[in-house]
Amino acid sequence: MQVVAPLQNALAKIGTHRIWARLAFVIFIVLICLAIGFGTMARERTFSLVATTLGGEITFNGQQNDWQFSEVIRCTMRASPDFRISGEAREELCDNALFKVEHLSDIVVSWRDAERIQFRSHPSGGLQIRLDSDSRADMPPGSLLIIPQAAWADHGALAFQGAVQLGGEMATGSTDYLLSGHWEALQTGLATSLVRDITEVVKSGTLVRGSTVDFIKSEGNVISFGHLTPPDESATGIEVALLTERAPIALRVSYYGLQEPAIFKPDWIDTISSSTLLVALAALLSLIAGIVGLVLAVPGQQEQDSDSE
């Protein structure tokens, strides 16, 4: 009896230590999972978007928005219409009863900070740009720049920096609606940035015809960097490609008939499910948990065997 009592006390201590070891391991795994989850969360992200649209709007940012035109018709809004001009004398692309019409070539238009324009595909097949800002003495609001079809088809890209809206509000008779598009949300968290300094696509989607698309954040405009290009030879519309600034932003998509727009931004589920690194870490943790569980189970099995003997 004197030998059995100390042995039982030793076994009890081993069992207690094993319980604490298992508890410590569980706490360790939980902390690792919380650290990974926290590391994947990122408030800042950037969106890439490629779309074909019949119209849109840009509010320029900065002083680096210079557009060069090989051929352009400048239609300056008249203070009052001049209906004395006969029908035969009126321009085909721009009604000179309402506008003062000038045919220009090889000009550069430097858009100013905070100037707002509307761009759309002209019925003739060219590009129409309308100035909506009261910022130029020589071009009052409502004035137009029209690039004829032949010049627009061979035109280079028109790069911009500013806040963008693609597609006008859909209604009967609308001619500036969005045709199609695709977007991706890219971001990186602490867990991935420690291993590799890249961003990952964590959410994506398709834009349907008639959508109105822009980007939002809590304060101020979301600045995008992109360009407008003419469509392919047999296509219609205006090709737009852009990348937004890196910020806590979301994509806002409005649809005809809906009272509230749809807001798209990645959450932690999107981040975890789209990250190959996190999937690999999850598999590694599962393997470690299995090995540690097996190691901790061996002393318990040995104790049961010694007790049975």
C-alpha atoms as a PDB file:
ATOM      1  CA  MET A   1       0.000   0.000   0.000  1.00  0.00           C
ATOM      2  CA  GLN A   2       2.890   2.342   0.713  1.00  0.00           C
ATOM      3  CA  VAL A   3       4.142   1.866  -2.853  1.00  0.00           C
ATOM      4  CA  VAL A   4       0.739   2.146  -4.535  1.00  0.00           C
ATOM      5  CA  ALA A   5      -0.166   5.527  -3.012  1.00  0.00           C
ATOM      6  CA  PRO A   6       2.845   7.460  -4.389  1.00  0.00           C
ATOM      7  CA  LEU A   7       2.313   5.801  -7.801  1.00  0.00           C
ATOM      8  CA  GLN A   8      -1.298   6.896  -7.886  1.00  0.00           C
ATOM      9  CA  ASN A   9      -0.283  10.454  -6.948  1.00  0.00           C
ATOM     10  CA  ALA A  10       2.316  10.513  -9.742  1.00  0.00           C
ATOM     11  CA  LEU A  11      -0.207   9.248 -12.287  1.00  0.00           C
ATOM     12  CA  ALA A  12      -2.712  11.867 -11.111  1.00  0.00           C
ATOM     13  CA  LYS A  13      -0.098  14.595 -11.604  1.00  0.00           C
ATOM     14  CA  ILE A  14       0.692  13.288 -15.096  1.00  0.00           C
ATOM     15  CA  GLY A  15      -3.016  13.284 -15.965  1.00  0.00           C
ATOM     16  CA  THR A  16      -3.377  16.844 -14.673  1.00  0.00           C
ATOM     17  CA  HIS A  17      -0.357  17.968 -16.691  1.00  0.00           C
ATOM     18  CA  ARG A  18      -1.793  16.278 -19.777  1.00  0.00           C
ATOM     19  CA  ILE A  19      -5.093  18.119 -19.335  1.00  0.00           C
ATOM     20  CA  TRP A  20      -3.294  21.444 -18.983  1.00  0.00           C
ATOM     21  CA  ALA A  21      -1.179  20.636 -22.048  1.00  0.00           C
ATOM     22  CA  ARG A  22      -4.281  19.942 -24.102  1.00  0.00           C
ATOM     23  CA  LEU A  23      -5.925  23.125 -22.846  1.00  0.00           C
ATOM     24  CA  ALA A  24      -2.798  25.157 -23.666  1.00  0.00           C
ATOM     25  CA  PHE A  25      -2.710  23.640 -27.143  1.00  0.00           C
ATOM     26  CA  VAL A  26      -6.371  24.513 -27.739  1.00  0.00           C
ATOM     27  CA  ILE A  27      -5.752  28.080 -26.575  1.00  0.00           C
ATOM     28  CA  PHE A  28      -2.713  28.261 -28.867  1.00  0.00           C
ATOM     29  CA  ILE A  29      -4.738  27.114 -31.884  1.00  0.00           C
ATOM     30  CA  VAL A  30      -7.518  29.607 -31.079  1.00  0.00           C
ATOM     31  CA  LEU A  31      -4.997  32.455 -30.795  1.00  0.00           C
ATOM     32  CA  ILE A  32      -3.385  31.461 -34.101  1.00  0.00           C
ATOM     33  CA  CYS A  33      -6.794  31.417 -35.812  1.00  0.00           C
ATOM     34  CA  LEU A  34      -7.687  34.818 -34.352  1.00  0.00           C
ATOM     35  CA  ALA A  35      -4.331  36.223 -35.464  1.00  0.00           C
ATOM     36  CA  ILE A  36      -4.832  34.907 -38.985  1.00  0.00           C
ATOM     37  CA  GLY A  37      -8.392  36.228 -39.091  1.00  0.00           C
ATOM     38  CA  PHE A  38      -7.270  39.627 -37.875  1.00  0.00           C
ATOM     39  CA  GLY A  39      -4.396  39.589 -40.321  1.00  0.00           C
ATOM     40  CA  THR A  40      -6.688  38.950 -43.273  1.00  0.00           C
ATOM     41  CA  MET A  41      -8.973  41.865 -42.481  1.00  0.00           C
ATOM     42  CA  ALA A  42      -8.170  44.942 -44.520  1.00  0.00           C
ATOM     43  CA  ARG A  43     -10.261  48.095 -44.554  1.00  0.00           C
ATOM     44  CA  GLU A  44      -8.394  49.427 -47.565  1.00  0.00           C
ATOM     45  CA  ARG A  45      -8.816  47.948 -51.022  1.00  0.00           C
ATOM     46  CA  THR A  46      -8.702  48.871 -54.670  1.00  0.00           C
ATOM     47  CA  PHE A  47     -11.168  48.049 -57.430  1.00  0.00           C
ATOM     48  CA  SER A  48     -10.403  47.339 -61.069  1.00  0.00           C
ATOM     49  CA  LEU A  49     -13.181  47.719 -63.607  1.00  0.00           C
ATOM     50  CA  VAL A  50     -13.477  47.151 -67.351  1.00  0.00           C
ATOM     51  CA  ALA A  51     -16.730  48.163 -69.033  1.00  0.00           C
ATOM     52  CA  THR A  52     -18.375  49.106 -72.294  1.00  0.00           C
ATOM     53  CA  THR A  53     -20.825  51.985 -71.974  1.00  0.00           C
ATOM     54  CA  LEU A  54     -22.748  54.448 -74.072  1.00  0.00           C
ATOM     55  CA  GLY A  55     -22.104  57.218 -71.571  1.00  0.00           C
ATOM     56  CA  GLY A  56     -20.645  58.275 -68.268  1.00  0.00           C
ATOM     57  CA  GLU A  57     -19.366  61.149 -66.167  1.00  0.00           C
ATOM     58  CA  ILE A  58     -15.932  62.233 -64.928  1.00  0.00           C
ATOM     59  CA  THR A  59     -15.071  64.828 -62.283  1.00  0.00           C
ATOM     60  CA  PHE A  60     -11.387  65.457 -62.850  1.00  0.00           C
ATOM     61  CA  ASN A  61      -8.802  65.492 -60.097  1.00  0.00           C
ATOM     62  CA  GLY A  62      -5.459  67.244 -60.324  1.00  0.00           C
ATOM     63  CA  GLN A  63      -3.817  68.913 -63.305  1.00  0.00           C
ATOM     64  CA  GLN A  64      -2.692  65.895 -65.336  1.00  0.00           C
ATOM     65  CA  ASN A  65      -5.787  65.417 -67.505  1.00  0.00           C
ATOM     66  CA  ASP A  66      -4.655  66.557 -70.954  1.00  0.00           C
ATOM     67  CA  TRP A  67      -6.608  65.204 -73.921  1.00  0.00           C
ATOM     68  CA  GLN A  68      -5.228  65.604 -77.406  1.00  0.00           C
ATOM     69  CA  PHE A  69      -7.576  65.567 -80.399  1.00  0.00           C
ATOM     70  CA  SER A  70      -6.526  65.269 -84.020  1.00  0.00           C
ATOM     71  CA  GLU A  71      -9.925  66.527 -85.149  1.00  0.00           C
ATOM     72  CA  VAL A  72     -12.750  67.972 -83.086  1.00  0.00           C
ATOM     73  CA  ILE A  73     -15.880  70.066 -83.484  1.00  0.00           C
ATOM     74  CA  ARG A  74     -16.221  72.562 -80.646  1.00  0.00           C
ATOM     75  CA  CYS A  75     -19.808  73.631 -80.029  1.00  0.00           C
ATOM     76  CA  THR A  76     -19.928  76.606 -77.669  1.00  0.00           C
ATOM     77  CA  MET A  77     -23.330  77.175 -76.112  1.00  0.00           C
ATOM     78  CA  ARG A  78     -24.892  80.452 -77.266  1.00  0.00           C
ATOM     79  CA  ALA A  79     -26.287  82.838 -74.667  1.00  0.00           C
ATOM     80  CA  SER A  80     -29.580  82.645 -76.579  1.00  0.00           C
ATOM     81  CA  PRO A  81     -30.586  80.506 -79.591  1.00  0.00           C
ATOM     82  CA  ASP A  82     -30.279  82.053 -83.053  1.00  0.00           C
ATOM     83  CA  PHE A  83     -33.149  80.633 -85.080  1.00  0.00           C
ATOM     84  CA  ARG A  84     -32.419  82.960 -87.999  1.00  0.00           C
ATOM     85  CA  ILE A  85     -29.978  80.354 -89.292  1.00  0.00           C
ATOM     86  CA  SER A  86     -31.674  78.421 -92.094  1.00  0.00           C
ATOM     87  CA  GLY A  87     -31.980  74.664 -92.005  1.00  0.00           C
ATOM     88  CA  GLU A  88     -29.558  74.232 -94.914  1.00  0.00           C
ATOM     89  CA  ALA A  89     -26.829  76.067 -93.015  1.00  0.00           C
ATOM     90  CA  ARG A  90     -27.115  74.000 -89.846  1.00  0.00           C
ATOM     91  CA  GLU A  91     -24.392  71.555 -88.897  1.00  0.00           C
ATOM     92  CA  GLU A  92     -25.132  67.829 -88.976  1.00  0.00           C
ATOM     93  CA  LEU A  93     -23.363  66.956 -85.715  1.00  0.00           C
ATOM     94  CA  CYS A  94     -23.996  70.158 -83.782  1.00  0.00           C
ATOM     95  CA  ASP A  95     -26.953  72.513 -84.212  1.00  0.00           C
ATOM     96  CA  ASN A  96     -25.432  75.939 -84.839  1.00  0.00           C
ATOM     97  CA  ALA A  97     -28.723  77.576 -83.989  1.00  0.00           C
ATOM     98  CA  LEU A  98     -27.934  76.624 -80.378  1.00  0.00           C
ATOM     99  CA  PHE A  99     -24.141  76.546 -80.561  1.00  0.00           C
ATOM    100  CA  LYS A 100     -21.298  78.490 -82.044  1.00  0.00           C
ATOM    101  CA  VAL A 101     -19.559  75.834 -84.135  1.00  0.00           C
ATOM    102  CA  GLU A 102     -15.794  75.622 -84.750  1.00  0.00           C
ATOM    103  CA  HIS A 103     -13.877  72.920 -86.612  1.00  0.00           C
ATOM    104  CA  LEU A 104     -10.473  72.439 -84.974  1.00  0.00           C
ATOM    105  CA  SER A 105      -7.537  70.106 -85.490  1.00  0.00           C
ATOM    106  CA  ASP A 106      -4.538  69.030 -83.425  1.00  0.00           C
ATOM    107  CA  ILE A 107      -5.612  70.659 -80.179  1.00  0.00           C
ATOM    108  CA  VAL A 108      -5.013  69.759 -76.543  1.00  0.00           C
ATOM    109  CA  VAL A 109      -7.718  70.284 -73.935  1.00  0.00           C
ATOM    110  CA  SER A 110      -6.325  70.488 -70.400  1.00  0.00           C
ATOM    111  CA  TRP A 111      -9.130  69.649 -68.001  1.00  0.00           C
ATOM    112  CA  ARG A 112      -8.915  71.543 -64.733  1.00  0.00           C
ATOM    113  CA  ASP A 113      -9.254  70.219 -61.221  1.00  0.00           C
ATOM    114  CA  ALA A 114     -12.914  69.623 -60.228  1.00  0.00           C
ATOM    115  CA  GLU A 115     -14.198  70.146 -63.784  1.00  0.00           C
ATOM    116  CA  ARG A 116     -17.037  67.765 -64.603  1.00  0.00           C
ATOM    117  CA  ILE A 117     -17.847  66.369 -68.032  1.00  0.00           C
ATOM    118  CA  GLN A 118     -20.338  63.934 -69.464  1.00  0.00           C
ATOM    119  CA  PHE A 119     -19.102  61.680 -72.240  1.00  0.00           C
ATOM    120  CA  ARG A 120     -21.278  59.602 -74.511  1.00  0.00           C
ATOM    121  CA  SER A 121     -21.299  57.783 -77.801  1.00  0.00           C
ATOM    122  CA  HIS A 122     -22.650  60.191 -80.426  1.00  0.00           C
ATOM    123  CA  PRO A 123     -25.437  58.867 -82.683  1.00  0.00           C
ATOM    124  CA  SER A 124     -23.104  59.399 -85.667  1.00  0.00           C
ATOM    125  CA  GLY A 125     -20.609  56.939 -84.171  1.00  0.00           C
ATOM    126  CA  GLY A 126     -18.222  59.551 -82.779  1.00  0.00           C
ATOM    127  CA  LEU A 127     -17.531  60.682 -79.228  1.00  0.00           C
ATOM    128  CA  GLN A 128     -19.425  63.546 -77.581  1.00  0.00           C
ATOM    129  CA  ILE A 129     -18.124  65.391 -74.510  1.00  0.00           C
ATOM    130  CA  ARG A 130     -20.314  67.870 -72.644  1.00  0.00           C
ATOM    131  CA  LEU A 131     -18.915  70.368 -70.132  1.00  0.00           C
ATOM    132  CA  ASP A 132     -21.076  70.613 -66.987  1.00  0.00           C
ATOM    133  CA  SER A 133     -18.883  72.995 -64.989  1.00  0.00           C
ATOM    134  CA  ASP A 134     -18.924  76.781 -64.997  1.00  0.00           C
ATOM    135  CA  SER A 135     -15.138  76.994 -65.094  1.00  0.00           C
ATOM    136  CA  ARG A 136     -14.244  78.299 -68.550  1.00  0.00           C
ATOM    137  CA  ALA A 137     -15.048  81.695 -69.991  1.00  0.00           C
ATOM    138  CA  ASP A 138     -14.773  80.375 -73.559  1.00  0.00           C
ATOM    139  CA  MET A 139     -16.949  77.289 -72.923  1.00  0.00           C
ATOM    140  CA  PRO A 140     -20.039  77.845 -70.775  1.00  0.00           C
ATOM    141  CA  PRO A 141     -21.851  74.849 -69.244  1.00  0.00           C
ATOM    142  CA  GLY A 142     -23.592  72.778 -71.879  1.00  0.00           C
ATOM    143  CA  SER A 143     -20.881  73.312 -74.511  1.00  0.00           C
ATOM    144  CA  LEU A 144     -19.849  70.246 -76.507  1.00  0.00           C
ATOM    145  CA  LEU A 145     -16.750  68.681 -78.013  1.00  0.00           C
ATOM    146  CA  ILE A 146     -17.539  66.169 -80.747  1.00  0.00           C
ATOM    147  CA  ILE A 147     -14.955  63.855 -82.260  1.00  0.00           C
ATOM    148  CA  PRO A 148     -16.252  62.660 -85.667  1.00  0.00           C
ATOM    149  CA  GLN A 149     -16.578  58.929 -86.259  1.00  0.00           C
ATOM    150  CA  ALA A 150     -13.567  58.601 -88.566  1.00  0.00           C
ATOM    151  CA  ALA A 151     -11.272  60.455 -86.152  1.00  0.00           C
ATOM    152  CA  TRP A 152     -12.607  58.616 -83.088  1.00  0.00           C
ATOM    153  CA  ALA A 153     -12.156  55.176 -84.676  1.00  0.00           C
ATOM    154  CA  ASP A 154      -8.413  55.830 -85.064  1.00  0.00           C
ATOM    155  CA  HIS A 155      -8.022  57.792 -81.839  1.00  0.00           C
ATOM    156  CA  GLY A 156      -5.629  56.914 -79.050  1.00  0.00           C
ATOM    157  CA  ALA A 157      -6.565  56.506 -75.410  1.00  0.00           C
ATOM    158  CA  LEU A 158      -7.920  59.419 -73.390  1.00  0.00           C
ATOM    159  CA  ALA A 159      -6.362  59.008 -69.944  1.00  0.00           C
ATOM    160  CA  PHE A 160      -8.022  60.490 -66.877  1.00  0.00           C
ATOM    161  CA  GLN A 161      -7.686  60.863 -63.136  1.00  0.00           C
ATOM    162  CA  GLY A 162     -10.846  61.618 -61.196  1.00  0.00           C
ATOM    163  CA  ALA A 163     -14.190  60.447 -59.856  1.00  0.00           C
ATOM    164  CA  VAL A 164     -16.117  58.340 -62.349  1.00  0.00           C
ATOM    165  CA  GLN A 165     -19.707  57.283 -62.913  1.00  0.00           C
ATOM    166  CA  LEU A 166     -20.462  54.829 -65.695  1.00  0.00           C
ATOM    167  CA  GLY A 167     -23.894  54.558 -67.270  1.00  0.00           C
ATOM    168  CA  GLY A 168     -26.676  57.075 -67.004  1.00  0.00           C
ATOM    169  CA  GLU A 169     -29.968  56.530 -65.231  1.00  0.00           C
ATOM    170  CA  MET A 170     -31.989  53.969 -67.151  1.00  0.00           C
ATOM    171  CA  ALA A 171     -35.355  55.142 -68.458  1.00  0.00           C
ATOM    172  CA  THR A 172     -37.404  54.980 -71.627  1.00  0.00           C
ATOM    173  CA  GLY A 173     -35.387  56.600 -74.387  1.00  0.00           C
ATOM    174  CA  SER A 174     -32.046  56.545 -72.546  1.00  0.00           C
ATOM    175  CA  THR A 175     -29.023  56.646 -74.839  1.00  0.00           C
ATOM    176  CA  ASP A 176     -26.176  56.723 -72.302  1.00  0.00           C
ATOM    177  CA  TYR A 177     -26.660  53.415 -70.458  1.00  0.00           C
ATOM    178  CA  LEU A 178     -23.971  50.884 -69.581  1.00  0.00           C
ATOM    179  CA  LEU A 179     -23.736  47.881 -71.905  1.00  0.00           C
ATOM    180  CA  SER A 180     -21.591  45.409 -69.962  1.00  0.00           C
ATOM    181  CA  GLY A 181     -18.681  45.193 -67.569  1.00  0.00           C
ATOM    182  CA  HIS A 182     -16.654  43.235 -65.043  1.00  0.00           C
ATOM    183  CA  TRP A 183     -15.124  44.311 -61.725  1.00  0.00           C
ATOM    184  CA  GLU A 184     -12.677  42.914 -59.211  1.00  0.00           C
ATOM    185  CA  ALA A 185     -11.864  43.923 -55.637  1.00  0.00           C
ATOM    186  CA  LEU A 186      -8.212  43.532 -54.658  1.00  0.00           C
ATOM    187  CA  GLN A 187      -6.690  43.815 -51.212  1.00  0.00           C
ATOM    188  CA  THR A 188      -4.006  42.430 -48.941  1.00  0.00           C
ATOM    189  CA  GLY A 189      -3.968  41.766 -45.204  1.00  0.00           C
ATOM    190  CA  LEU A 190      -1.244  41.446 -42.592  1.00  0.00           C
ATOM    191  CA  ALA A 191      -1.099  37.671 -42.865  1.00  0.00           C
ATOM    192  CA  THR A 192      -0.463  37.681 -46.610  1.00  0.00           C
ATOM    193  CA  SER A 193       1.760  40.757 -46.705  1.00  0.00           C
ATOM    194  CA  LEU A 194       4.217  39.144 -44.295  1.00  0.00           C
ATOM    195  CA  VAL A 195       4.778  36.343 -46.796  1.00  0.00           C
ATOM    196  CA  ARG A 196       4.436  38.142 -50.146  1.00  0.00           C
ATOM    197  CA  ASP A 197       3.892  41.779 -50.977  1.00  0.00           C
ATOM    198  CA  ILE A 198       1.044  41.425 -53.477  1.00  0.00           C
ATOM    199  CA  THR A 199      -2.671  42.030 -53.612  1.00  0.00           C
ATOM    200  CA  GLU A 200      -5.196  39.269 -54.208  1.00  0.00           C
ATOM    201  CA  VAL A 201      -8.589  39.268 -55.903  1.00  0.00           C
ATOM    202  CA  VAL A 202     -11.012  38.719 -53.029  1.00  0.00           C
ATOM    203  CA  LYS A 203     -14.322  39.480 -54.757  1.00  0.00           C
ATOM    204  CA  SER A 204     -15.514  39.954 -58.341  1.00  0.00           C
ATOM    205  CA  GLY A 205     -18.693  40.389 -60.314  1.00  0.00           C
ATOM    206  CA  THR A 206     -20.350  41.185 -63.629  1.00  0.00           C
ATOM    207  CA  LEU A 207     -22.213  44.359 -64.532  1.00  0.00           C
ATOM    208  CA  VAL A 208     -25.453  43.912 -66.430  1.00  0.00           C
ATOM    209  CA  ARG A 209     -26.862  46.194 -69.107  1.00  0.00           C
ATOM    210  CA  GLY A 210     -28.533  49.295 -67.718  1.00  0.00           C
ATOM    211  CA  SER A 211     -26.543  49.481 -64.476  1.00  0.00           C
ATOM    212  CA  THR A 212     -25.267  52.774 -63.109  1.00  0.00           C
ATOM    213  CA  VAL A 213     -21.887  52.317 -61.432  1.00  0.00           C
ATOM    214  CA  ASP A 214     -19.691  54.462 -59.200  1.00  0.00           C
ATOM    215  CA  PHE A 215     -17.443  54.140 -56.141  1.00  0.00           C
ATOM    216  CA  ILE A 216     -18.086  55.519 -52.656  1.00  0.00           C
ATOM    217  CA  LYS A 217     -16.296  56.072 -49.356  1.00  0.00           C
ATOM    218  CA  SER A 218     -17.180  57.804 -46.112  1.00  0.00           C
ATOM    219  CA  GLU A 219     -15.736  61.183 -47.105  1.00  0.00           C
ATOM    220  CA  GLY A 220     -14.949  62.785 -50.453  1.00  0.00           C
ATOM    221  CA  ASN A 221     -14.776  61.344 -53.948  1.00  0.00           C
ATOM    222  CA  VAL A 222     -13.090  58.082 -54.855  1.00  0.00           C
ATOM    223  CA  ILE A 223     -10.305  58.833 -57.332  1.00  0.00           C
ATOM    224  CA  SER A 224      -9.873  56.459 -60.258  1.00  0.00           C
ATOM    225  CA  PHE A 225      -7.075  56.198 -62.799  1.00  0.00           C
ATOM    226  CA  GLY A 226      -8.105  54.982 -66.215  1.00  0.00           C
ATOM    227  CA  HIS A 227      -8.710  55.661 -69.871  1.00  0.00           C
ATOM    228  CA  LEU A 228     -11.372  55.816 -72.577  1.00  0.00           C
ATOM    229  CA  THR A 229     -10.778  54.089 -75.907  1.00  0.00           C
ATOM    230  CA  PRO A 230     -12.885  53.604 -79.045  1.00  0.00           C
ATOM    231  CA  PRO A 231     -14.584  50.214 -79.476  1.00  0.00           C
ATOM    232  CA  ASP A 232     -13.478  47.487 -81.830  1.00  0.00           C
ATOM    233  CA  GLU A 233     -14.414  47.836 -85.453  1.00  0.00           C
ATOM    234  CA  SER A 234     -17.735  45.990 -85.298  1.00  0.00           C
ATOM    235  CA  ALA A 235     -18.672  47.050 -81.741  1.00  0.00           C
ATOM    236  CA  THR A 236     -20.531  50.012 -80.258  1.00  0.00           C
ATOM    237  CA  GLY A 237     -20.045  52.122 -77.170  1.00  0.00           C
ATOM    238  CA  ILE A 238     -16.972  53.415 -75.351  1.00  0.00           C
ATOM    239  CA  GLU A 239     -14.406  51.125 -73.747  1.00  0.00           C
ATOM    240  CA  VAL A 240     -13.473  52.143 -70.180  1.00  0.00           C
ATOM    241  CA  ALA A 241     -10.760  50.599 -68.006  1.00  0.00           C
ATOM    242  CA  LEU A 242      -9.857  51.938 -64.572  1.00  0.00           C
ATOM    243  CA  LEU A 243      -8.217  51.229 -61.240  1.00  0.00           C
ATOM    244  CA  THR A 244      -9.334  53.073 -58.117  1.00  0.00           C
ATOM    245  CA  GLU A 245      -7.219  54.534 -55.365  1.00  0.00           C
ATOM    246  CA  ARG A 246      -6.419  52.335 -52.362  1.00  0.00           C
ATOM    247  CA  ALA A 247      -8.886  53.274 -49.629  1.00  0.00           C
ATOM    248  CA  PRO A 248     -11.829  51.894 -47.570  1.00  0.00           C
ATOM    249  CA  ILE A 249     -14.151  52.081 -50.573  1.00  0.00           C
ATOM    250  CA  ALA A 250     -17.097  50.155 -51.998  1.00  0.00           C
ATOM    251  CA  LEU A 251     -18.672  49.669 -55.406  1.00  0.00           C
ATOM    252  CA  ARG A 252     -22.191  51.096 -55.752  1.00  0.00           C
ATOM    253  CA  VAL A 253     -24.462  49.722 -58.467  1.00  0.00           C
ATOM    254  CA  SER A 254     -27.907  51.152 -59.145  1.00  0.00           C
ATOM    255  CA  TYR A 255     -30.532  49.309 -61.150  1.00  0.00           C
ATOM    256  CA  TYR A 256     -33.695  50.535 -62.770  1.00  0.00           C
ATOM    257  CA  GLY A 257     -36.698  49.951 -60.508  1.00  0.00           C
ATOM    258  CA  LEU A 258     -34.763  49.506 -57.250  1.00  0.00           C
ATOM    259  CA  GLN A 259     -35.132  52.160 -54.572  1.00  0.00           C
ATOM    260  CA  GLU A 260     -31.739  51.462 -52.992  1.00  0.00           C
ATOM    261  CA  PRO A 261     -28.472  50.719 -54.830  1.00  0.00           C
ATOM    262  CA  ALA A 262     -26.507  47.533 -54.253  1.00  0.00           C
ATOM    263  CA  ILE A 263     -23.228  47.992 -52.352  1.00  0.00           C
ATOM    264  CA  PHE A 264     -20.357  45.587 -52.988  1.00  0.00           C
ATOM    265  CA  LYS A 265     -17.267  45.269 -50.794  1.00  0.00           C
ATOM    266  CA  PRO A 266     -15.311  42.241 -49.572  1.00  0.00           C
ATOM    267  CA  ASP A 267     -15.843  40.795 -46.093  1.00  0.00           C
ATOM    268  CA  TRP A 268     -13.728  38.343 -44.090  1.00  0.00           C
ATOM    269  CA  ILE A 269     -15.433  35.335 -45.674  1.00  0.00           C
ATOM    270  CA  ASP A 270     -14.459  36.546 -49.163  1.00  0.00           C
ATOM    271  CA  THR A 271     -10.905  37.153 -47.992  1.00  0.00           C
ATOM    272  CA  ILE A 272     -10.430  33.734 -46.408  1.00  0.00           C
ATOM    273  CA  SER A 273     -12.138  31.750 -49.175  1.00  0.00           C
ATOM    274  CA  SER A 274     -10.109  33.451 -51.924  1.00  0.00           C
ATOM    275  CA  SER A 275      -6.660  33.186 -50.297  1.00  0.00           C
ATOM    276  CA  THR A 276      -4.573  30.140 -51.203  1.00  0.00           C
ATOM    277  CA  LEU A 277      -2.176  31.072 -48.397  1.00  0.00           C
ATOM    278  CA  LEU A 278      -4.888  30.861 -45.746  1.00  0.00           C
ATOM    279  CA  VAL A 279      -6.135  27.557 -47.149  1.00  0.00           C
ATOM    280  CA  ALA A 280      -2.583  26.189 -46.870  1.00  0.00           C
ATOM    281  CA  LEU A 281      -2.257  27.504 -43.297  1.00  0.00           C
ATOM    282  CA  ALA A 282      -5.561  25.867 -42.361  1.00  0.00           C
ATOM    283  CA  ALA A 283      -4.326  22.525 -43.700  1.00  0.00           C
ATOM    284  CA  LEU A 284      -1.029  22.932 -41.839  1.00  0.00           C
ATOM    285  CA  LEU A 285      -2.788  23.733 -38.558  1.00  0.00           C
ATOM    286  CA  SER A 286      -5.035  20.691 -38.986  1.00  0.00           C
ATOM    287  CA  LEU A 287      -1.967  18.497 -39.482  1.00  0.00           C
ATOM    288  CA  ILE A 288      -0.242  19.963 -36.412  1.00  0.00           C
ATOM    289  CA  ALA A 289      -3.401  19.532 -34.350  1.00  0.00           C
ATOM    290  CA  GLY A 290      -3.619  15.871 -35.375  1.00  0.00           C
ATOM    291  CA  ILE A 291       0.025  15.180 -34.513  1.00  0.00           C
ATOM    292  CA  VAL A 292      -0.164  16.946 -31.144  1.00  0.00           C
ATOM    293  CA  GLY A 293      -3.418  15.181 -30.307  1.00  0.00           C
ATOM    294  CA  LEU A 294      -1.801  11.837 -31.100  1.00  0.00           C
ATOM    295  CA  VAL A 295       1.245  12.671 -28.967  1.00  0.00           C
ATOM    296  CA  LEU A 296      -0.896  13.709 -26.017  1.00  0.00           C
ATOM    297  CA  ALA A 297      -3.027  10.588 -26.345  1.00  0.00           C
ATOM    298  CA  VAL A 298      -0.060   8.195 -26.041  1.00  0.00           C
ATOM    299  CA  PRO A 299       0.661   8.814 -22.298  1.00  0.00           C
ATOM    300  CA  GLY A 300      -3.019   8.354 -21.537  1.00  0.00           C
ATOM    301  CA  GLN A 301      -3.083   5.016 -23.332  1.00  0.00           C
ATOM    302  CA  GLN A 302       0.063   3.936 -21.490  1.00  0.00           C
ATOM    303  CA  GLU A 303      -1.559   4.815 -18.144  1.00  0.00           C
ATOM    304  CA  GLN A 304      -4.642   2.778 -19.008  1.00  0.00           C
ATOM    305  CA  ASP A 305      -2.417  -0.195 -19.940  1.00  0.00           C
ATOM    306  CA  SER A 306      -0.480   0.085 -16.635  1.00  0.00           C
ATOM    307  CA  ASP A 307      -3.735   0.303 -14.653  1.00  0.00           C
ATOM    308  CA  SER A 308      -5.109  -2.813 -16.344  1.00  0.00           C
ATOM    309  CA  GLU A 309      -1.944  -4.717 -15.483  1.00  0.00           C
END
